[in-house]
PDB file of N, CA and C in Angstrom:
ATOM      1  N   MET A   1     -13.311  47.094  -2.249  1.00  0.00           N
ATOM      2  CA  MET A   1     -12.983  46.098  -1.240  1.00  0.00           C
ATOM      3  C   MET A   1     -11.685  46.475  -0.545  1.00  0.00           C
ATOM      4  N   ASN A   2     -11.604  46.121   0.685  1.00  0.00           N
ATOM      5  CA  ASN A   2     -10.423  46.392   1.497  1.00  0.00           C
ATOM      6  C   ASN A   2      -9.259  45.519   1.000  1.00  0.00           C
ATOM      7  N   PRO A   3      -8.046  46.088   0.778  1.00  0.00           N
ATOM      8  CA  PRO A   3      -6.911  45.288   0.298  1.00  0.00           C
ATOM      9  C   PRO A   3      -6.540  44.140   1.241  1.00  0.00           C
ATOM     10  N   ALA A   4      -6.715  44.334   2.536  1.00  0.00           N
ATOM     11  CA  ALA A   4      -6.399  43.250   3.479  1.00  0.00           C
ATOM     12  C   ALA A   4      -7.374  42.086   3.297  1.00  0.00           C
ATOM     13  N   ARG A   5      -8.627  42.417   3.044  1.00  0.00           N
ATOM     14  CA  ARG A   5      -9.631  41.372   2.856  1.00  0.00           C
ATOM     15  C   ARG A   5      -9.361  40.597   1.560  1.00  0.00           C
ATOM     16  N   VAL A   6      -8.961  41.297   0.513  1.00  0.00           N
ATOM     17  CA  VAL A   6      -8.619  40.647  -0.760  1.00  0.00           C
ATOM     18  C   VAL A   6      -7.426  39.712  -0.551  1.00  0.00           C
ATOM     19  N   GLY A   7      -6.444  40.163   0.215  1.00  0.00           N
ATOM     20  CA  GLY A   7      -5.276  39.333   0.500  1.00  0.00           C
ATOM     21  C   GLY A   7      -5.660  38.066   1.251  1.00  0.00           C
ATOM     22  N   ILE A   8      -6.575  38.176   2.198  1.00  0.00           N
ATOM     23  CA  ILE A   8      -7.019  37.001   2.962  1.00  0.00           C
ATOM     24  C   ILE A   8      -7.768  36.031   2.050  1.00  0.00           C
ATOM     25  N   ILE A   9      -8.588  36.563   1.156  1.00  0.00           N
ATOM     26  CA  ILE A   9      -9.330  35.700   0.231  1.00  0.00           C
ATOM     27  C   ILE A   9      -8.371  34.980  -0.710  1.00  0.00           C
ATOM     28  N   VAL A  10      -7.395  35.701  -1.237  1.00  0.00           N
ATOM     29  CA  VAL A  10      -6.415  35.090  -2.139  1.00  0.00           C
ATOM     30  C   VAL A  10      -5.610  34.019  -1.394  1.00  0.00           C
ATOM     31  N   LEU A  11      -5.193  34.299  -0.182  1.00  0.00           N
ATOM     32  CA  LEU A  11      -4.448  33.328   0.615  1.00  0.00           C
ATOM     33  C   LEU A  11      -5.310  32.099   0.896  1.00  0.00           C
ATOM     34  N   GLY A  12      -6.577  32.308   1.221  1.00  0.00           N
ATOM     35  CA  GLY A  12      -7.479  31.190   1.471  1.00  0.00           C
ATOM     36  C   GLY A  12      -7.661  30.317   0.241  1.00  0.00           C
ATOM     37  N   LEU A  13      -7.838  30.944  -0.924  1.00  0.00           N
ATOM     38  CA  LEU A  13      -7.966  30.176  -2.159  1.00  0.00           C
ATOM     39  C   LEU A  13      -6.685  29.399  -2.478  1.00  0.00           C
ATOM     40  N   PHE A  14      -5.550  30.023  -2.223  1.00  0.00           N
ATOM     41  CA  PHE A  14      -4.272  29.331  -2.439  1.00  0.00           C
ATOM     42  C   PHE A  14      -4.156  28.101  -1.540  1.00  0.00           C
ATOM     43  N   LEU A  15      -4.502  28.251  -0.261  1.00  0.00           N
ATOM     44  CA  LEU A  15      -4.415  27.120   0.660  1.00  0.00           C
ATOM     45  C   LEU A  15      -5.379  25.998   0.277  1.00  0.00           C
ATOM     46  N   LEU A  16      -6.589  26.343  -0.104  1.00  0.00           N
ATOM     47  CA  LEU A  16      -7.562  25.329  -0.516  1.00  0.00           C
ATOM     48  C   LEU A  16      -7.116  24.603  -1.778  1.00  0.00           C
ATOM     49  N   SER A  17      -6.569  25.333  -2.733  1.00  0.00           N
ATOM     50  CA  SER A  17      -6.122  24.689  -3.970  1.00  0.00           C
ATOM     51  C   SER A  17      -4.914  23.790  -3.725  1.00  0.00           C
ATOM     52  N   SER A  18      -4.036  24.183  -2.812  1.00  0.00           N
ATOM     53  CA  SER A  18      -2.884  23.333  -2.523  1.00  0.00           C
ATOM     54  C   SER A  18      -3.309  22.071  -1.777  1.00  0.00           C
ATOM     55  N   LEU A  19      -4.318  22.167  -0.924  1.00  0.00           N
ATOM     56  CA  LEU A  19      -4.833  20.965  -0.260  1.00  0.00           C
ATOM     57  C   LEU A  19      -5.518  20.045  -1.259  1.00  0.00           C
ATOM     58  N   ALA A  20      -6.240  20.597  -2.190  1.00  0.00           N
ATOM     59  CA  ALA A  20      -6.914  19.796  -3.208  1.00  0.00           C
ATOM     60  C   ALA A  20      -5.890  19.080  -4.086  1.00  0.00           C
ATOM     61  N   ALA A  21      -4.761  19.712  -4.349  1.00  0.00           N
ATOM     62  CA  ALA A  21      -3.730  19.096  -5.177  1.00  0.00           C
ATOM     63  C   ALA A  21      -3.095  17.899  -4.481  1.00  0.00           C
ATOM     64  N   CYS A  22      -3.069  17.896  -3.161  1.00  0.00           N
ATOM     65  CA  CYS A  22      -2.465  16.779  -2.431  1.00  0.00           C
ATOM     66  C   CYS A  22      -3.289  15.505  -2.554  1.00  0.00           C
ATOM     67  N   GLY A  23      -4.590  15.618  -2.695  1.00  0.00           N
ATOM     68  CA  GLY A  23      -5.443  14.448  -2.739  1.00  0.00           C
ATOM     69  C   GLY A  23      -5.652  13.865  -4.113  1.00  0.00           C
ATOM     70  N   LYS A  24      -5.137  14.495  -5.159  1.00  0.00           N
ATOM     71  CA  LYS A  24      -5.399  14.008  -6.507  1.00  0.00           C
ATOM     72  C   LYS A  24      -4.771  12.652  -6.778  1.00  0.00           C
ATOM     73  N   ASP A  25      -3.649  12.310  -6.122  1.00  0.00           N
ATOM     74  CA  ASP A  25      -3.017  11.010  -6.343  1.00  0.00           C
ATOM     75  C   ASP A  25      -3.919   9.869  -5.891  1.00  0.00           C
ATOM     76  N   LEU A  26      -4.673  10.082  -4.832  1.00  0.00           N
ATOM     77  CA  LEU A  26      -5.575   9.038  -4.354  1.00  0.00           C
ATOM     78  C   LEU A  26      -6.726   8.832  -5.335  1.00  0.00           C
ATOM     79  N   LEU A  27      -7.173   9.895  -5.974  1.00  0.00           N
ATOM     80  CA  LEU A  27      -8.266   9.778  -6.927  1.00  0.00           C
ATOM     81  C   LEU A  27      -7.812   9.175  -8.243  1.00  0.00           C
ATOM     82  N   MET A  28      -6.571   9.397  -8.619  1.00  0.00           N
ATOM     83  CA  MET A  28      -6.058   8.936  -9.900  1.00  0.00           C
ATOM     84  C   MET A  28      -5.475   7.524  -9.830  1.00  0.00           C
ATOM     85  N   ARG A  29      -5.478   6.907  -8.677  1.00  0.00           N
ATOM     86  CA  ARG A  29      -4.843   5.603  -8.504  1.00  0.00           C
ATOM     87  C   ARG A  29      -5.597   4.540  -9.274  1.00  0.00           C
ATOM     88  N   LYS A  30      -4.882   3.705  -9.972  1.00  0.00           N
ATOM     89  CA  LYS A  30      -5.481   2.606 -10.705  1.00  0.00           C
ATOM     90  C   LYS A  30      -5.258   1.328  -9.898  1.00  0.00           C
ATOM     91  N   CYS A  31      -6.337   0.654  -9.588  1.00  0.00           N
ATOM     92  CA  CYS A  31      -6.231  -0.526  -8.731  1.00  0.00           C
ATOM     93  C   CYS A  31      -5.908  -1.795  -9.512  1.00  0.00           C
ATOM     94  N   ASP A  32      -5.987  -1.737 -10.845  1.00  0.00           N
ATOM     95  CA  ASP A  32      -5.692  -2.928 -11.636  1.00  0.00           C
ATOM     96  C   ASP A  32      -4.194  -3.098 -11.861  1.00  0.00           C
ATOM     97  N   GLU A  33      -3.409  -2.068 -11.565  1.00  0.00           N
ATOM     98  CA  GLU A  33      -1.969  -2.178 -11.744  1.00  0.00           C
ATOM     99  C   GLU A  33      -1.384  -3.040 -10.633  1.00  0.00           C
ATOM    100  N   PRO A  34      -0.377  -3.861 -10.948  1.00  0.00           N
ATOM    101  CA  PRO A  34       0.213  -4.714  -9.905  1.00  0.00           C
ATOM    102  C   PRO A  34       0.887  -3.896  -8.817  1.00  0.00           C
ATOM    103  N   GLU A  35       0.745  -4.339  -7.606  1.00  0.00           N
ATOM    104  CA  GLU A  35       1.390  -3.703  -6.464  1.00  0.00           C
ATOM    105  C   GLU A  35       2.807  -4.262  -6.329  1.00  0.00           C
ATOM    106  N   PRO A  36       3.720  -3.529  -5.694  1.00  0.00           N
ATOM    107  CA  PRO A  36       5.105  -4.015  -5.560  1.00  0.00           C
ATOM    108  C   PRO A  36       5.210  -5.372  -4.856  1.00  0.00           C
ATOM    109  N   TYR A  37       4.352  -5.631  -3.883  1.00  0.00           N
ATOM    110  CA  TYR A  37       4.454  -6.891  -3.151  1.00  0.00           C
ATOM    111  C   TYR A  37       4.045  -8.089  -4.005  1.00  0.00           C
ATOM    112  N   GLN A  38       3.356  -7.867  -5.110  1.00  0.00           N
ATOM    113  CA  GLN A  38       2.911  -8.968  -5.941  1.00  0.00           C
ATOM    114  C   GLN A  38       4.035  -9.542  -6.798  1.00  0.00           C
ATOM    115  N   SER A  39       5.156  -8.848  -6.896  1.00  0.00           N
ATOM    116  CA  SER A  39       6.264  -9.344  -7.698  1.00  0.00           C
ATOM    117  C   SER A  39       7.301 -10.082  -6.856  1.00  0.00           C
ATOM    118  N   VAL A  40       6.991 -10.333  -5.592  1.00  0.00           N
ATOM    119  CA  VAL A  40       7.925 -11.017  -4.705  1.00  0.00           C
ATOM    120  C   VAL A  40       7.996 -12.493  -5.087  1.00  0.00           C
ATOM    121  N   VAL A  41       9.196 -13.024  -5.107  1.00  0.00           N
ATOM    122  CA  VAL A  41       9.387 -14.442  -5.400  1.00  0.00           C
ATOM    123  C   VAL A  41      10.151 -15.085  -4.249  1.00  0.00           C
ATOM    124  N   ALA A  42       9.936 -16.372  -4.083  1.00  0.00           N
ATOM    125  CA  ALA A  42      10.645 -17.099  -3.033  1.00  0.00           C
ATOM    126  C   ALA A  42      12.118 -17.209  -3.421  1.00  0.00           C
ATOM    127  N   SER A  43      12.977 -17.079  -2.464  1.00  0.00           N
ATOM    128  CA  SER A  43      14.402 -17.223  -2.732  1.00  0.00           C
ATOM    129  C   SER A  43      14.953 -18.336  -1.848  1.00  0.00           C
ATOM    130  N   LYS A  44      16.202 -18.660  -2.085  1.00  0.00           N
ATOM    131  CA  LYS A  44      16.777 -19.754  -1.308  1.00  0.00           C
ATOM    132  C   LYS A  44      17.011 -19.318   0.139  1.00  0.00           C
ATOM    133  N   ARG A  45      17.062 -20.274   1.004  1.00  0.00           N
ATOM    134  CA  ARG A  45      17.245 -20.012   2.430  1.00  0.00           C
ATOM    135  C   ARG A  45      18.671 -19.539   2.709  1.00  0.00           C
ATOM    136  N   VAL A  46      18.819 -18.922   3.844  1.00  0.00           N
ATOM    137  CA  VAL A  46      20.129 -18.445   4.268  1.00  0.00           C
ATOM    138  C   VAL A  46      20.988 -19.651   4.645  1.00  0.00           C
ATOM    139  N   VAL A  47      22.195 -19.676   4.137  1.00  0.00           N
ATOM    140  CA  VAL A  47      23.129 -20.754   4.478  1.00  0.00           C
ATOM    141  C   VAL A  47      24.023 -20.238   5.603  1.00  0.00           C
ATOM    142  N   VAL A  48      23.992 -20.946   6.722  1.00  0.00           N
ATOM    143  CA  VAL A  48      24.773 -20.543   7.886  1.00  0.00           C
ATOM    144  C   VAL A  48      26.178 -21.106   7.745  1.00  0.00           C
ATOM    145  N   PRO A  49      27.200 -20.267   7.803  1.00  0.00           N
ATOM    146  CA  PRO A  49      28.580 -20.748   7.694  1.00  0.00           C
ATOM    147  C   PRO A  49      28.949 -21.666   8.867  1.00  0.00           C
ATOM    148  N   ASP A  50      29.920 -22.516   8.636  1.00  0.00           N
ATOM    149  CA  ASP A  50      30.398 -23.423   9.698  1.00  0.00           C
ATOM    150  C   ASP A  50      30.910 -22.601  10.874  1.00  0.00           C
ATOM    151  N   GLY A  51      30.634 -23.071  12.066  1.00  0.00           N
ATOM    152  CA  GLY A  51      31.100 -22.417  13.274  1.00  0.00           C
ATOM    153  C   GLY A  51      30.102 -21.431  13.853  1.00  0.00           C
ATOM    154  N   LEU A  52      29.006 -21.158  13.152  1.00  0.00           N
ATOM    155  CA  LEU A  52      27.977 -20.256  13.661  1.00  0.00           C
ATOM    156  C   LEU A  52      26.734 -21.063  14.043  1.00  0.00           C
ATOM    157  N   ASP A  53      25.944 -20.496  14.943  1.00  0.00           N
ATOM    158  CA  ASP A  53      24.706 -21.159  15.356  1.00  0.00           C
ATOM    159  C   ASP A  53      23.719 -21.196  14.196  1.00  0.00           C
ATOM    160  N   ALA A  54      22.945 -22.277  14.134  1.00  0.00           N
ATOM    161  CA  ALA A  54      21.921 -22.403  13.099  1.00  0.00           C
ATOM    162  C   ALA A  54      20.785 -21.422  13.377  1.00  0.00           C
ATOM    163  N   LEU A  55      20.061 -21.059  12.336  1.00  0.00           N
ATOM    164  CA  LEU A  55      18.927 -20.159  12.491  1.00  0.00           C
ATOM    165  C   LEU A  55      17.772 -20.886  13.172  1.00  0.00           C
ATOM    166  N   ASN A  56      16.977 -20.154  13.903  1.00  0.00           N
ATOM    167  CA  ASN A  56      15.828 -20.720  14.597  1.00  0.00           C
ATOM    168  C   ASN A  56      14.674 -20.861  13.608  1.00  0.00           C
ATOM    169  N   ASP A  57      14.257 -22.096  13.297  1.00  0.00           N
ATOM    170  CA  ASP A  57      13.176 -22.329  12.341  1.00  0.00           C
ATOM    171  C   ASP A  57      11.848 -21.765  12.826  1.00  0.00           C
ATOM    172  N   LEU A  58      11.677 -21.635  14.139  1.00  0.00           N
ATOM    173  CA  LEU A  58      10.413 -21.131  14.669  1.00  0.00           C
ATOM    174  C   LEU A  58      10.244 -19.632  14.434  1.00  0.00           C
ATOM    175  N   LYS A  59      11.318 -18.942  14.082  1.00  0.00           N
ATOM    176  CA  LYS A  59      11.224 -17.500  13.855  1.00  0.00           C
ATOM    177  C   LYS A  59      11.021 -17.159  12.379  1.00  0.00           C
ATOM    178  N   GLU A  60      10.878 -18.179  11.545  1.00  0.00           N
ATOM    179  CA  GLU A  60      10.589 -17.924  10.139  1.00  0.00           C
ATOM    180  C   GLU A  60       9.131 -17.533   9.987  1.00  0.00           C
ATOM    181  N   MET A  61       8.856 -16.775   8.970  1.00  0.00           N
ATOM    182  CA  MET A  61       7.481 -16.348   8.721  1.00  0.00           C
ATOM    183  C   MET A  61       7.070 -16.848   7.344  1.00  0.00           C
ATOM    184  N   PRO A  62       6.486 -18.044   7.285  1.00  0.00           N
ATOM    185  CA  PRO A  62       6.083 -18.563   5.973  1.00  0.00           C
ATOM    186  C   PRO A  62       4.900 -17.768   5.411  1.00  0.00           C
ATOM    187  N   ILE A  63       4.883 -17.613   4.110  1.00  0.00           N
ATOM    188  CA  ILE A  63       3.786 -16.908   3.454  1.00  0.00           C
ATOM    189  C   ILE A  63       2.800 -17.964   2.970  1.00  0.00           C
ATOM    190  N   PRO A  64       1.568 -17.916   3.471  1.00  0.00           N
ATOM    191  CA  PRO A  64       0.597 -18.944   3.083  1.00  0.00           C
ATOM    192  C   PRO A  64       0.144 -18.769   1.644  1.00  0.00           C
ATOM    193  N   LYS A  65      -0.270 -19.867   1.036  1.00  0.00           N
ATOM    194  CA  LYS A  65      -0.818 -19.835  -0.316  1.00  0.00           C
ATOM    195  C   LYS A  65      -2.274 -19.407  -0.236  1.00  0.00           C
ATOM    196  N   SER A  66      -2.725 -18.670  -1.201  1.00  0.00           N
ATOM    197  CA  SER A  66      -4.100 -18.192  -1.222  1.00  0.00           C
ATOM    198  C   SER A  66      -4.933 -19.059  -2.156  1.00  0.00           C
ATOM    199  N   ASP A  67      -6.154 -19.381  -1.730  1.00  0.00           N
ATOM    200  CA  ASP A  67      -7.064 -20.095  -2.611  1.00  0.00           C
ATOM    201  C   ASP A  67      -8.205 -19.182  -3.065  1.00  0.00           C
ATOM    202  N   THR A  68      -8.042 -17.883  -2.829  1.00  0.00           N
ATOM    203  CA  THR A  68      -9.041 -16.898  -3.238  1.00  0.00           C
ATOM    204  C   THR A  68      -8.861 -16.604  -4.728  1.00  0.00           C
ATOM    205  N   PRO A  69      -9.933 -16.637  -5.495  1.00  0.00           N
ATOM    206  CA  PRO A  69      -9.796 -16.319  -6.924  1.00  0.00           C
ATOM    207  C   PRO A  69      -9.430 -14.854  -7.115  1.00  0.00           C
ATOM    208  N   PRO A  70      -8.719 -14.530  -8.181  1.00  0.00           N
ATOM    209  CA  PRO A  70      -8.352 -13.133  -8.404  1.00  0.00           C
ATOM    210  C   PRO A  70      -9.588 -12.276  -8.680  1.00  0.00           C
ATOM    211  N   ARG A  71      -9.474 -10.995  -8.346  1.00  0.00           N
ATOM    212  CA  ARG A  71     -10.581 -10.068  -8.594  1.00  0.00           C
ATOM    213  C   ARG A  71     -10.689  -9.796 -10.092  1.00  0.00           C
ATOM    214  N   PRO A  72     -11.893  -9.616 -10.584  1.00  0.00           N
ATOM    215  CA  PRO A  72     -12.055  -9.325 -12.017  1.00  0.00           C
ATOM    216  C   PRO A  72     -11.455  -7.968 -12.375  1.00  0.00           C
ATOM    217  N   GLU A  73     -10.998  -7.845 -13.615  1.00  0.00           N
ATOM    218  CA  GLU A  73     -10.423  -6.567 -14.058  1.00  0.00           C
ATOM    219  C   GLU A  73     -11.487  -5.489 -14.032  1.00  0.00           C
ATOM    220  N   GLY A  74     -11.099  -4.298 -13.645  1.00  0.00           N
ATOM    221  CA  GLY A  74     -12.020  -3.186 -13.596  1.00  0.00           C
ATOM    222  C   GLY A  74     -12.942  -3.199 -12.393  1.00  0.00           C
ATOM    223  N   ALA A  75     -12.647  -4.057 -11.391  1.00  0.00           N
ATOM    224  CA  ALA A  75     -13.518  -4.155 -10.216  1.00  0.00           C
ATOM    225  C   ALA A  75     -13.355  -2.969  -9.280  1.00  0.00           C
ATOM    226  N   GLY A  76     -12.341  -2.159  -9.483  1.00  0.00           N
ATOM    227  CA  GLY A  76     -12.133  -1.011  -8.604  1.00  0.00           C
ATOM    228  C   GLY A  76     -11.315  -1.382  -7.384  1.00  0.00           C
ATOM    229  N   CYS A  77     -11.060  -0.387  -6.552  1.00  0.00           N
ATOM    230  CA  CYS A  77     -10.249  -0.588  -5.362  1.00  0.00           C
ATOM    231  C   CYS A  77     -11.092  -1.154  -4.223  1.00  0.00           C
ATOM    232  N   LEU A  78     -10.450  -1.892  -3.352  1.00  0.00           N
ATOM    233  CA  LEU A  78     -11.114  -2.370  -2.149  1.00  0.00           C
ATOM    234  C   LEU A  78     -11.171  -1.234  -1.138  1.00  0.00           C
ATOM    235  N   ALA A  79     -12.287  -1.108  -0.446  1.00  0.00           N
ATOM    236  CA  ALA A  79     -12.406  -0.098   0.591  1.00  0.00           C
ATOM    237  C   ALA A  79     -11.597  -0.494   1.811  1.00  0.00           C
ATOM    238  N   SER A  80     -11.491  -1.786   2.060  1.00  0.00           N
ATOM    239  CA  SER A  80     -10.698  -2.298   3.180  1.00  0.00           C
ATOM    240  C   SER A  80     -10.138  -3.652   2.758  1.00  0.00           C
ATOM    241  N   PRO A  81      -9.080  -4.112   3.425  1.00  0.00           N
ATOM    242  CA  PRO A  81      -8.489  -5.391   3.036  1.00  0.00           C
ATOM    243  C   PRO A  81      -9.447  -6.544   3.341  1.00  0.00           C
ATOM    244  N   PRO A  82      -9.306  -7.650   2.609  1.00  0.00           N
ATOM    245  CA  PRO A  82     -10.181  -8.791   2.863  1.00  0.00           C
ATOM    246  C   PRO A  82      -9.899  -9.405   4.221  1.00  0.00           C
ATOM    247  N   ALA A  83     -10.887 -10.094   4.749  1.00  0.00           N
ATOM    248  CA  ALA A  83     -10.735 -10.740   6.050  1.00  0.00           C
ATOM    249  C   ALA A  83      -9.765 -11.908   5.925  1.00  0.00           C
ATOM    250  N   ILE A  84      -9.055 -12.172   7.003  1.00  0.00           N
ATOM    251  CA  ILE A  84      -8.095 -13.268   7.044  1.00  0.00           C
ATOM    252  C   ILE A  84      -8.657 -14.348   7.947  1.00  0.00           C
ATOM    253  N   GLU A  85      -8.715 -15.558   7.436  1.00  0.00           N
ATOM    254  CA  GLU A  85      -9.200 -16.670   8.227  1.00  0.00           C
ATOM    255  C   GLU A  85      -7.999 -17.409   8.799  1.00  0.00           C
ATOM    256  N   ILE A  86      -7.939 -17.519  10.097  1.00  0.00           N
ATOM    257  CA  ILE A  86      -6.822 -18.193  10.769  1.00  0.00           C
ATOM    258  C   ILE A  86      -7.263 -19.572  11.182  1.00  0.00           C
ATOM    259  N   GLY A  87      -6.410 -20.539  10.912  1.00  0.00           N
ATOM    260  CA  GLY A  87      -6.738 -21.920  11.267  1.00  0.00           C
ATOM    261  C   GLY A  87      -7.471 -22.566  10.116  1.00  0.00           C
ATOM    262  N   GLY A  88      -8.086 -23.682  10.406  1.00  0.00           N
ATOM    263  CA  GLY A  88      -8.837 -24.127   9.350  1.00  0.00           C
ATOM    264  C   GLY A  88      -9.095 -25.410   8.898  1.00  0.00           C
TER     265      GLY A  88
END
């Protein structure tokens, strides 16, 4: 075999293996583990010092309560996020 051709094959195999290594984290992900956003807790509101303008209540972003039951353990990952119903 031509040494240049062997070099191209080796380089190609190296590139393919490095691309395959990049995707392993997505395959190894466990969906039953808590996500960082699930540990968020409500905290107290910002206290505006005297002499400053009050905060605009209309610019707050309240987090709605969910009435959706939790997913069963071992259900796997969602392919897409659940639909959001606005209004109601």
